[in-house]
Protein backbone atom coordinates (compact mmCIF):
# COMPACT_ATOMS: atom_id res chain seq x y z
CA UNK A 1 15.35 14.54 21.23
CA UNK A 2 11.96 16.79 20.81
CA UNK A 3 8.37 15.10 21.17
CA UNK A 4 6.43 15.75 17.96
CA UNK A 5 2.31 16.77 18.06
CA UNK A 6 -0.22 14.98 16.66
CA UNK A 7 -0.53 17.65 14.04
CA UNK A 8 3.16 17.44 13.23
CA UNK A 9 3.09 13.30 13.20
CA UNK A 10 0.28 13.59 10.24
CA UNK A 11 2.67 16.20 7.96
CA UNK A 12 5.26 13.31 8.44
CA UNK A 13 3.37 10.66 6.97
CA UNK A 14 1.13 12.81 5.14
CA UNK A 15 -2.55 10.62 6.94
CA UNK A 16 -4.97 12.24 8.31
CA UNK A 17 -5.15 12.93 12.08
CA UNK A 18 -8.46 9.54 12.75
CA UNK A 19 -5.32 7.68 10.57
CA UNK A 20 -3.29 8.23 13.46
CA UNK A 21 -5.52 8.14 16.20
CA UNK A 22 -6.56 4.67 13.75
CA UNK A 23 -1.91 3.11 14.60
CA UNK A 24 -1.47 4.62 18.19
CA UNK A 25 -4.72 2.21 19.47
CA UNK A 26 -3.88 -1.09 17.11
CA UNK A 27 -0.61 0.03 18.61
CA UNK A 28 1.65 0.30 15.79
CA UNK A 29 2.01 4.06 16.60
CA UNK A 30 3.42 4.25 19.99
CA UNK A 31 2.31 7.42 21.83
CA UNK A 32 2.78 9.98 25.62
CA UNK A 33 -0.03 11.08 26.78
CA UNK A 34 1.09 14.68 28.77
CA UNK A 35 -1.90 16.11 30.20
CA UNK A 36 -4.94 15.82 27.15
CA UNK A 37 -2.07 15.88 24.23
CA UNK A 38 -0.34 13.40 22.74
CA UNK A 39 2.96 13.30 22.40
CA UNK A 40 5.70 11.32 19.32
CA UNK A 41 8.83 10.47 19.62
CA UNK A 42 10.79 11.29 16.78
CA UNK A 43 12.38 8.08 17.06
CA UNK A 44 9.24 5.93 17.23
CA UNK A 45 7.74 7.23 14.23
CA UNK A 46 10.83 6.43 11.81
CA UNK A 47 10.85 2.77 13.72
CA UNK A 48 7.46 2.47 12.19
CA UNK A 49 7.93 2.98 8.65
CA UNK A 50 11.09 1.50 8.74
CA UNK A 51 8.35 -1.64 9.57
CA UNK A 52 6.05 -0.28 6.98
CA UNK A 53 9.25 -0.29 4.63
CA UNK A 54 8.13 -2.40 1.21
CA UNK A 55 11.34 -5.09 0.40
CA UNK A 56 11.48 -5.41 -3.34
CA UNK A 57 13.80 -8.80 -5.18
CA UNK A 58 16.11 -7.31 -7.97
CA UNK A 59 13.84 -10.81 -9.82
CA UNK A 60 10.54 -8.56 -10.31
CA UNK A 61 12.14 -5.96 -11.39
CA UNK A 62 15.20 -6.93 -13.60
CA UNK A 63 12.67 -10.10 -15.03
CA UNK A 64 10.21 -8.05 -18.40
CA UNK A 65 7.10 -10.48 -18.49
CA UNK A 66 6.59 -12.10 -22.28
CA UNK A 67 3.21 -12.19 -23.73
CA UNK A 68 3.19 -15.87 -25.21
CA UNK A 69 1.96 -14.85 -28.91
CA UNK A 70 -1.84 -15.11 -30.09
CA UNK A 71 -2.89 -18.33 -32.09
CA UNK A 72 -4.05 -17.51 -35.94
CA UNK A 73 -6.03 -19.28 -38.07
CA UNK A 74 -5.10 -20.32 -41.93
CA UNK A 75 -6.55 -18.06 -42.78
CA UNK A 76 -4.74 -15.19 -40.55
CA UNK A 77 -7.54 -14.54 -38.30
CA UNK A 78 -6.41 -14.40 -34.25
CA UNK A 79 -8.37 -17.30 -32.53
CA UNK A 80 -11.21 -15.27 -29.57
CA UNK A 81 -10.47 -16.05 -25.78
CA UNK A 82 -12.22 -19.61 -24.74
CA UNK A 83 -13.29 -18.16 -21.27
CA UNK A 84 -15.07 -15.35 -21.42
CA UNK A 85 -13.82 -12.07 -18.70
CA UNK A 86 -16.64 -10.57 -16.38
CA UNK A 87 -15.92 -8.11 -14.26
CA UNK A 88 -18.18 -7.85 -10.56
CA UNK A 89 -21.13 -5.78 -11.36
CA UNK A 90 -21.37 -7.04 -15.27
CA UNK A 91 -24.83 -8.70 -16.07
CA UNK A 92 -24.67 -12.81 -16.50
CA UNK A 93 -26.80 -14.06 -19.33
């Protein structure tokens, strides 16, 4: 098994050097210190990627979301929403 450098891990995961350091500090990615440098096994990186994997259930991907039809008044104009939308940073009067 070959040991990888921090630069190699950064390129494989497409993250910055500081992000790799944070993963090591948080204990999510094991490393080995050889002299002044850190080294990583490919198996450890593969195990980390497997833990990060998102599992998608088939019910979410197959069932389309149906929007309710807007209610109409007698003259055909749509009824406005009674609840106003609020966005963060918006002034409340």
